Amino acid sequence: MDLRALTGDDPRDVLRALRGALHGAGPALAIGMVGTAPAQVPAGTAVVVTTSGSTGVPKSVVLSRDALISSAMATADRVGSGAWLLALPTSYVAGLQVLVRALVADREPAILAGRFTPEAFAAAATMMASSRGGERVPTYTSLVPAQLTRLLDAAETDTTVRAAVRSFETILVGGQALAVATLERAQALGARVVRTYGSTETSGGCVYDGRALRGVSVRVSDGEVQIAGPTLADGYLGEDDRTAAAFTIDPDGTRWYRTGDAGLIEGDLLRIRGRIDNVIISGGINVSLDRVERAVRTVPGLASAVVVGIDDPRWGEVPVVVAPRGEALRRSESVQFDEARQAVADEVGRHARPARLVLVDELPTLPSGKPDRESIRAGVAALH
């Protein structure tokens, strides 16, 4: 079938084109594709999302109509159906899925255009208030942790923002791990937050608060989280070998996506332990930067910190903590660094203690809102 590349970033253009793609009346959409898009894609394709993620390696993920709609319906089955507010870029699968959910629910989404600010978010949320048959229509939105943190900070002094955050039936938060301290702040404010886990290859979040959505199966094989179900992508456009490596088929015909994430299943809950390959060797010992980062984020003022590995002449590589200056200034830098080292020693071991705390005005981010780890690492390396 035909493929149409979207060159602009107006979410309303994406919504119009997506409506046709989902209904089978229009061409499939290419979002974020660099260079010339191929003329044809597999039948049933709705969207091809090209993303480089935090590793900087581009991949064009082929998502079918069935996969996107299955994901939207599974979300409605879990959290309910209503009106959706788009507060994320549509080049990011979580933002794209907000539009899909709105179309499946047959409701026009509210759209937060331009730069995200707590004030703009509150204004958009206020405009969503509506009723049906005398009953209030529930509202939903999807955010990344950095956006939620900005809303919580603003809500401390702005009653309009506070009311807006509380007004949503559910706020989905994904894209990266949500710090426990941030979740507790949101709950204390009265926000109904659901943590999501997934990727572009799974049509967005497919595990909510540790539990798989309807129709989705999760297993851990050799320490790696793998996912099956109707929300899986068809593969990577024009990359058969890469597709075969990431999507495997069991003898019974079940197709699994290898996430590359380390995890375990405790009872019926999936717990993510970080990327399998996000490991450095420091002093001859493997150190998981994800585990170090989780420990560091428990320290007051470091809830948004990112941990990267930097070359070191003595140890080979060492973990370095990078945090926004605005958060870290709430307490002494030296005290925070000492507490971060102690938290890591207690949680991971003394060998994994960070070698340095670097404060920056703002953490570089990808369009998805995730930290741009490659840029952060390069910036810290340049300081050395």
Protein backbone atom coordinates (compact mmCIF):
# COMPACT_ATOMS: atom_id res chain seq x y z
CA MET A 1 0.00 0.00 0.00
CA ASP A 2 1.02 3.65 -0.44
CA LEU A 3 3.09 5.51 2.16
CA ARG A 4 2.78 9.25 2.76
CA ALA A 5 5.51 11.12 4.62
CA LEU A 6 4.36 13.87 6.99
CA THR A 7 6.81 16.73 6.89
CA GLY A 8 5.15 19.08 9.39
CA ASP A 9 4.68 18.68 13.11
CA ASP A 10 1.13 20.05 13.44
CA PRO A 11 -0.79 17.41 15.44
CA ARG A 12 -4.00 18.37 13.64
CA ASP A 13 -2.45 17.33 10.33
CA VAL A 14 -1.41 14.04 11.90
CA LEU A 15 -4.93 13.53 13.27
CA ARG A 16 -6.55 14.04 9.87
CA ALA A 17 -4.11 11.72 8.12
CA LEU A 18 -4.30 9.14 10.90
CA ARG A 19 -8.09 9.00 10.66
CA GLY A 20 -7.83 7.94 7.03
CA ALA A 21 -5.02 5.46 7.72
CA LEU A 22 -6.94 3.73 10.52
CA HIS A 23 -10.12 3.53 8.48
CA GLY A 24 -8.25 2.16 5.47
CA ALA A 25 -9.34 5.13 3.35
CA GLY A 26 -5.95 6.81 3.14
CA PRO A 27 -2.28 5.98 2.71
CA ALA A 28 -0.11 4.80 5.58
CA LEU A 29 1.78 7.56 7.37
CA ALA A 30 5.54 7.93 7.70
CA ILE A 31 6.40 9.90 10.83
CA GLY A 32 9.92 11.08 11.57
CA MET A 33 11.43 9.38 8.54
CA VAL A 34 14.75 10.82 7.36
CA GLY A 35 15.39 10.85 3.63
CA THR A 36 13.07 9.53 0.94
CA ALA A 37 10.25 7.28 2.11
CA PRO A 38 9.63 4.10 0.11
CA ALA A 39 6.58 4.20 -2.12
CA GLN A 40 5.03 1.01 -0.75
CA VAL A 41 4.65 -0.68 2.64
CA PRO A 42 2.98 -3.96 3.67
CA ALA A 43 -0.80 -4.15 3.38
CA GLY A 44 -2.57 -3.18 6.58
CA THR A 45 0.12 -0.73 7.67
CA ALA A 46 -1.22 2.42 9.35
CA VAL A 47 1.96 4.19 10.48
CA VAL A 48 5.72 3.86 10.12
CA VAL A 49 7.38 5.58 13.08
CA THR A 50 11.08 6.32 12.75
CA THR A 51 12.84 6.92 16.03
CA SER A 52 16.45 6.85 17.17
CA GLY A 53 15.61 6.44 20.87
CA SER A 54 18.31 7.19 23.42
CA THR A 55 20.95 5.14 21.57
CA GLY A 56 21.02 7.26 18.43
CA VAL A 57 20.43 4.29 16.08
CA PRO A 58 17.46 5.03 13.75
CA LYS A 59 14.75 2.42 13.32
CA SER A 60 11.55 2.61 11.28
CA VAL A 61 8.86 0.61 13.07
CA VAL A 62 5.92 -0.66 11.01
CA LEU A 63 2.63 -0.48 12.94
CA SER A 64 -0.54 -1.97 11.50
CA ARG A 65 -4.09 -0.70 11.95
CA ASP A 66 -4.91 -3.81 13.93
CA ALA A 67 -1.99 -3.32 16.33
CA LEU A 68 -2.78 0.34 17.04
CA ILE A 69 -6.50 -0.26 17.48
CA SER A 70 -5.89 -3.33 19.68
CA SER A 71 -3.68 -1.20 21.93
CA ALA A 72 -6.28 1.58 22.16
CA MET A 73 -9.06 -0.86 22.99
CA ALA A 74 -6.94 -2.63 25.62
CA THR A 75 -6.23 0.73 27.27
CA ALA A 76 -9.95 1.56 27.34
CA ASP A 77 -10.62 -1.88 28.83
CA ARG A 78 -8.15 -1.12 31.65
CA VAL A 79 -8.72 2.57 32.49
CA GLY A 80 -12.02 3.44 30.79
CA SER A 81 -13.07 5.50 27.82
CA GLY A 82 -13.62 9.23 27.48
CA ALA A 83 -11.94 12.37 26.20
CA TRP A 84 -8.18 12.56 25.66
CA LEU A 85 -5.75 15.48 25.90
CA LEU A 86 -2.67 15.33 23.66
CA ALA A 87 0.32 16.82 25.51
CA LEU A 88 3.09 14.83 23.81
CA PRO A 89 4.64 15.08 20.32
CA THR A 90 2.90 12.89 17.75
CA SER A 91 6.33 11.77 16.54
CA TYR A 92 6.43 9.77 19.79
CA VAL A 93 4.31 6.62 19.95
CA ALA A 94 2.68 7.67 23.25
CA GLY A 95 1.50 10.89 21.63
CA LEU A 96 0.35 9.05 18.52
CA GLN A 97 -1.63 6.62 20.66
CA VAL A 98 -3.50 9.46 22.35
CA LEU A 99 -4.89 10.33 18.92
CA VAL A 100 -5.66 6.66 18.16
CA ARG A 101 -7.57 6.30 21.46
CA ALA A 102 -9.56 9.44 20.72
CA LEU A 103 -10.47 8.17 17.24
CA VAL A 104 -11.45 4.74 18.57
CA ALA A 105 -13.64 6.45 21.20
CA ASP A 106 -15.11 8.61 18.40
CA ARG A 107 -14.17 11.82 20.21
CA GLU A 108 -12.12 14.76 19.03
CA PRO A 109 -9.00 15.01 21.21
CA ALA A 110 -8.03 18.20 22.99
CA ILE A 111 -4.64 19.31 21.70
CA LEU A 112 -1.99 21.18 23.64
CA ALA A 113 -0.14 22.92 20.82
CA GLY A 114 3.24 24.59 21.17
CA ARG A 115 5.59 24.40 24.12
CA PHE A 116 4.43 22.45 27.16
CA THR A 117 3.85 24.62 30.22
CA PRO A 118 1.78 23.91 33.35
CA GLU A 119 -0.38 26.96 32.57
CA ALA A 120 -1.13 25.80 29.02
CA PHE A 121 -1.86 22.30 30.28
CA ALA A 122 -4.28 23.64 32.89
CA ALA A 123 -6.07 25.81 30.32
CA ALA A 124 -6.48 22.86 27.94
CA ALA A 125 -7.71 20.58 30.73
CA THR A 126 -10.28 23.15 31.84
CA MET A 127 -11.69 23.41 28.32
CA MET A 128 -12.28 19.63 28.23
CA ALA A 129 -15.07 19.65 30.82
CA SER A 130 -18.24 18.15 29.32
CA SER A 131 -21.12 15.87 30.22
CA ARG A 132 -23.18 13.18 28.54
CA GLY A 133 -26.65 12.26 29.77
CA GLY A 134 -26.05 14.27 32.90
CA GLU A 135 -22.82 12.37 33.63
CA ARG A 136 -19.38 13.98 33.48
CA VAL A 137 -17.27 12.63 30.62
CA PRO A 138 -14.02 11.23 32.10
CA THR A 139 -10.81 12.80 30.81
CA TYR A 140 -7.43 11.19 30.23
CA THR A 141 -3.94 12.22 29.20
CA SER A 142 -0.48 10.76 28.73
CA LEU A 143 2.72 12.39 30.01
CA VAL A 144 6.42 11.71 30.51
CA PRO A 145 7.91 12.04 34.02
CA ALA A 146 9.50 15.43 33.31
CA GLN A 147 6.11 16.90 32.42
CA LEU A 148 4.49 15.45 35.52
CA THR A 149 7.25 16.90 37.67
CA ARG A 150 6.70 20.38 36.20
CA LEU A 151 2.98 20.11 36.89
CA LEU A 152 3.55 19.02 40.48
CA ASP A 153 6.00 21.88 41.07
CA ALA A 154 3.53 24.41 39.67
CA ALA A 155 0.60 22.90 41.58
CA GLU A 156 2.27 23.76 44.88
CA THR A 157 1.39 27.42 44.35
CA ASP A 158 -1.09 27.47 41.44
CA THR A 159 -4.58 26.25 42.37
CA THR A 160 -5.65 26.15 38.71
CA VAL A 161 -2.87 23.72 37.83
CA ARG A 162 -3.64 21.69 40.94
CA ALA A 163 -7.30 21.38 39.95
CA ALA A 164 -6.35 20.46 36.39
CA VAL A 165 -4.06 17.64 37.50
CA ARG A 166 -6.77 16.29 39.79
CA SER A 167 -9.43 16.48 37.08
CA PHE A 168 -8.16 13.55 35.03
CA GLU A 169 -9.60 10.11 35.57
CA THR A 170 -6.20 8.68 34.69
CA ILE A 171 -2.82 10.18 33.81
CA LEU A 172 -0.67 7.66 32.00
CA VAL A 173 3.03 8.23 32.65
CA GLY A 174 5.69 6.40 30.64
CA GLY A 175 8.71 6.80 28.43
CA GLN A 176 11.07 6.16 31.32
CA ALA A 177 10.91 4.99 34.92
CA LEU A 178 8.90 7.23 37.24
CA ALA A 179 10.75 8.00 40.46
CA VAL A 180 8.97 6.74 43.56
CA ALA A 181 9.23 10.18 45.15
CA THR A 182 7.47 11.75 42.15
CA LEU A 183 4.72 9.14 42.21
CA GLU A 184 4.16 9.76 45.92
CA ARG A 185 3.98 13.53 45.33
CA ALA A 186 1.37 12.99 42.62
CA GLN A 187 -0.71 10.69 44.79
CA ALA A 188 -0.55 13.12 47.70
CA LEU A 189 -1.87 15.84 45.39
CA GLY A 190 -4.79 13.63 44.37
CA ALA A 191 -3.58 12.76 40.87
CA ARG A 192 -4.54 9.33 39.55
CA VAL A 193 -1.31 8.21 37.91
CA VAL A 194 -0.79 4.90 36.10
CA ARG A 195 2.77 3.93 35.22
CA THR A 196 3.09 2.43 31.75
CA TYR A 197 5.72 0.26 30.13
CA GLY A 198 6.12 -0.39 26.43
CA SER A 199 7.83 0.84 23.29
CA THR A 200 7.14 1.76 19.69
CA GLU A 201 7.44 -1.95 18.86
CA THR A 202 4.48 -2.70 21.18
CA SER A 203 2.33 0.22 19.95
CA GLY A 204 3.16 2.10 23.13
CA GLY A 205 2.40 1.12 26.71
CA CYS A 206 1.21 -2.46 27.06
CA VAL A 207 1.90 -3.06 30.77
CA TYR A 208 0.16 -0.76 33.26
CA ASP A 209 1.36 -0.63 36.85
CA GLY A 210 3.20 -3.90 36.27
CA ARG A 211 0.23 -5.80 34.81
CA ALA A 212 -0.13 -6.63 31.12
CA LEU A 213 -3.12 -5.26 29.24
CA ARG A 214 -5.82 -7.57 27.94
CA GLY A 215 -4.47 -9.82 25.20
CA VAL A 216 -0.83 -9.06 26.01
CA SER A 217 1.52 -11.75 27.33
CA VAL A 218 4.77 -11.08 29.17
CA ARG A 219 7.61 -13.44 30.01
CA VAL A 220 11.21 -13.14 31.16
CA SER A 221 13.65 -15.32 29.25
CA ASP A 222 17.32 -15.39 30.29
CA GLY A 223 16.66 -12.20 32.25
CA GLU A 224 15.17 -10.36 29.24
CA VAL A 225 11.59 -9.10 29.15
CA GLN A 226 9.69 -10.37 26.12
CA ILE A 227 6.19 -9.42 24.98
CA ALA A 228 3.57 -11.08 22.79
CA GLY A 229 0.11 -10.10 21.67
CA PRO A 230 -1.93 -8.23 19.07
CA THR A 231 -0.23 -4.87 19.73
CA LEU A 232 3.16 -5.91 18.33
CA ALA A 233 4.64 -4.11 15.35
CA ASP A 234 5.14 -5.97 12.08
CA GLY A 235 8.87 -5.23 12.27
CA TYR A 236 11.40 -2.74 10.91
CA LEU A 237 10.87 -1.32 7.46
CA GLY A 238 13.36 -2.75 4.96
CA GLU A 239 15.42 -4.49 7.69
CA ASP A 240 14.60 -8.19 7.64
CA ASP A 241 17.63 -9.24 9.68
CA ARG A 242 16.94 -6.69 12.38
CA THR A 243 13.28 -7.74 12.46
CA ALA A 244 14.21 -11.42 12.80
CA ALA A 245 16.58 -10.63 15.67
CA ALA A 246 14.01 -8.59 17.62
CA PHE A 247 10.87 -10.64 16.90
CA THR A 248 11.11 -14.38 17.47
CA ILE A 249 8.53 -17.12 16.96
CA ASP A 250 8.06 -20.07 19.32
CA PRO A 251 7.37 -23.59 17.97
CA ASP A 252 3.68 -23.08 18.85
CA GLY A 253 3.59 -20.01 16.59
CA THR A 254 3.58 -17.35 19.32
CA ARG A 255 5.49 -14.26 18.21
CA TRP A 256 7.55 -12.46 20.86
CA TYR A 257 9.28 -9.10 20.90
CA ARG A 258 12.67 -9.06 22.63
CA THR A 259 12.69 -5.74 24.48
CA GLY A 260 16.36 -5.66 25.53
CA ASP A 261 15.17 -4.77 29.02
CA ALA A 262 16.16 -6.71 32.12
CA GLY A 263 13.31 -7.63 34.42
CA LEU A 264 11.59 -10.18 36.58
CA ILE A 265 8.04 -11.24 37.36
CA GLU A 266 7.06 -11.22 41.03
CA GLY A 267 3.64 -12.78 41.48
CA ASP A 268 1.69 -11.22 38.61
CA LEU A 269 3.74 -8.00 38.49
CA LEU A 270 6.45 -7.21 35.96
CA ARG A 271 9.38 -5.28 37.40
CA ILE A 272 11.86 -3.64 35.02
CA ARG A 273 15.49 -3.56 36.12
CA GLY A 274 16.86 -1.44 33.27
CA ARG A 275 18.48 -2.07 29.93
CA ILE A 276 20.47 -5.28 29.64
CA ASP A 277 23.17 -3.45 27.71
CA ASN A 278 23.30 -0.30 29.89
CA VAL A 279 26.30 -1.68 31.76
CA ILE A 280 29.83 -0.38 32.23
CA ILE A 281 32.90 -2.20 33.52
CA SER A 282 34.45 -0.28 36.39
CA GLY A 283 37.55 -1.71 38.00
CA GLY A 284 36.81 -5.04 36.30
CA ILE A 285 33.29 -5.26 37.76
CA ASN A 286 30.06 -4.95 35.75
CA VAL A 287 27.97 -1.99 36.94
CA SER A 288 24.36 -1.50 35.83
CA LEU A 289 23.87 2.23 35.28
CA ASP A 290 20.11 1.72 35.55
CA ARG A 291 20.45 0.31 39.07
CA VAL A 292 22.76 3.17 40.03
CA GLU A 293 20.30 5.68 38.62
CA ARG A 294 17.37 4.19 40.53
CA ALA A 295 19.33 4.44 43.77
CA VAL A 296 20.45 8.02 43.08
CA ARG A 297 16.89 9.14 42.36
CA THR A 298 15.84 8.26 45.90
CA VAL A 299 17.98 11.17 47.17
CA PRO A 300 15.98 14.39 47.73
CA GLY A 301 16.66 16.84 44.90
CA LEU A 302 17.92 14.14 42.51
CA ALA A 303 14.61 12.62 41.40
CA SER A 304 15.28 13.57 37.76
CA ALA A 305 18.97 12.68 37.75
CA VAL A 306 20.55 10.72 34.91
CA VAL A 307 23.55 8.45 35.36
CA VAL A 308 26.01 7.97 32.51
CA GLY A 309 29.29 6.10 32.15
CA ILE A 310 32.46 8.11 31.54
CA ASP A 311 35.96 6.88 30.66
CA ASP A 312 38.37 6.95 33.59
CA PRO A 313 42.15 6.33 33.47
CA ARG A 314 42.17 4.38 36.72
CA TRP A 315 38.93 2.40 36.70
CA GLY A 316 38.24 2.16 32.98
CA GLU A 317 34.75 3.64 33.34
CA VAL A 318 32.89 5.28 36.22
CA PRO A 319 29.26 6.34 36.82
CA VAL A 320 28.61 10.09 36.85
CA VAL A 321 25.39 11.68 38.08
CA VAL A 322 23.95 14.56 36.04
CA ALA A 323 21.05 16.53 37.55
CA PRO A 324 19.12 19.75 36.88
CA ARG A 325 20.57 22.62 38.88
CA GLY A 326 17.14 23.92 39.89
CA GLU A 327 16.30 20.73 41.77
CA ALA A 328 19.74 20.18 43.26
CA LEU A 329 19.96 23.72 44.70
CA ARG A 330 17.32 22.87 47.24
CA ARG A 331 20.06 21.21 49.26
CA SER A 332 23.85 21.36 49.48
CA GLU A 333 25.57 19.87 46.43
CA SER A 334 28.22 18.15 48.55
CA VAL A 335 25.58 16.68 50.85
CA GLN A 336 23.57 15.39 47.90
CA PHE A 337 26.65 13.83 46.34
CA ASP A 338 27.55 12.09 49.60
CA GLU A 339 23.98 10.86 50.00
CA ALA A 340 23.93 9.63 46.39
CA ARG A 341 27.13 7.65 46.95
CA GLN A 342 25.72 6.17 50.13
CA ALA A 343 22.41 5.27 48.48
CA VAL A 344 24.26 3.46 45.70
CA ALA A 345 26.56 1.70 48.15
CA ASP A 346 23.53 0.46 50.11
CA GLU A 347 21.49 -0.57 47.06
CA VAL A 348 24.12 -1.75 44.56
CA GLY A 349 27.49 -1.90 46.33
CA ARG A 350 30.48 0.29 47.03
CA HIS A 351 32.04 -0.59 43.66
CA ALA A 352 29.17 1.19 41.87
CA ARG A 353 29.34 4.52 43.73
CA PRO A 354 29.26 7.53 41.35
CA ALA A 355 32.50 9.41 40.89
CA ARG A 356 30.99 12.83 40.38
CA LEU A 357 27.84 14.96 40.51
CA VAL A 358 27.43 17.40 37.61
CA LEU A 359 24.76 20.09 37.78
CA VAL A 360 23.31 21.52 34.57
CA ASP A 361 20.71 24.20 33.87
CA GLU A 362 18.61 21.72 31.91
CA LEU A 363 18.94 18.09 30.88
CA PRO A 364 18.97 17.58 27.09
CA THR A 365 15.94 15.58 25.99
CA LEU A 366 14.74 13.73 22.92
CA PRO A 367 11.47 14.78 21.21
CA SER A 368 9.77 12.06 23.27
CA GLY A 369 10.74 13.83 26.49
CA LYS A 370 13.21 11.12 27.48
CA PRO A 371 16.71 12.18 28.53
CA ASP A 372 19.11 12.33 25.57
CA ARG A 373 21.70 10.11 27.20
CA GLU A 374 24.18 10.33 24.36
CA SER A 375 24.20 14.13 24.50
CA ILE A 376 24.44 14.07 28.30
CA ARG A 377 27.34 11.62 28.20
CA ALA A 378 29.16 13.64 25.53
CA GLY A 379 28.69 16.82 27.52
CA VAL A 380 30.12 15.31 30.69
CA ALA A 381 33.00 13.72 28.78
CA ALA A 382 33.87 17.15 27.37
CA LEU A 383 34.19 18.48 30.92
CA HIS A 384 36.93 15.94 31.56
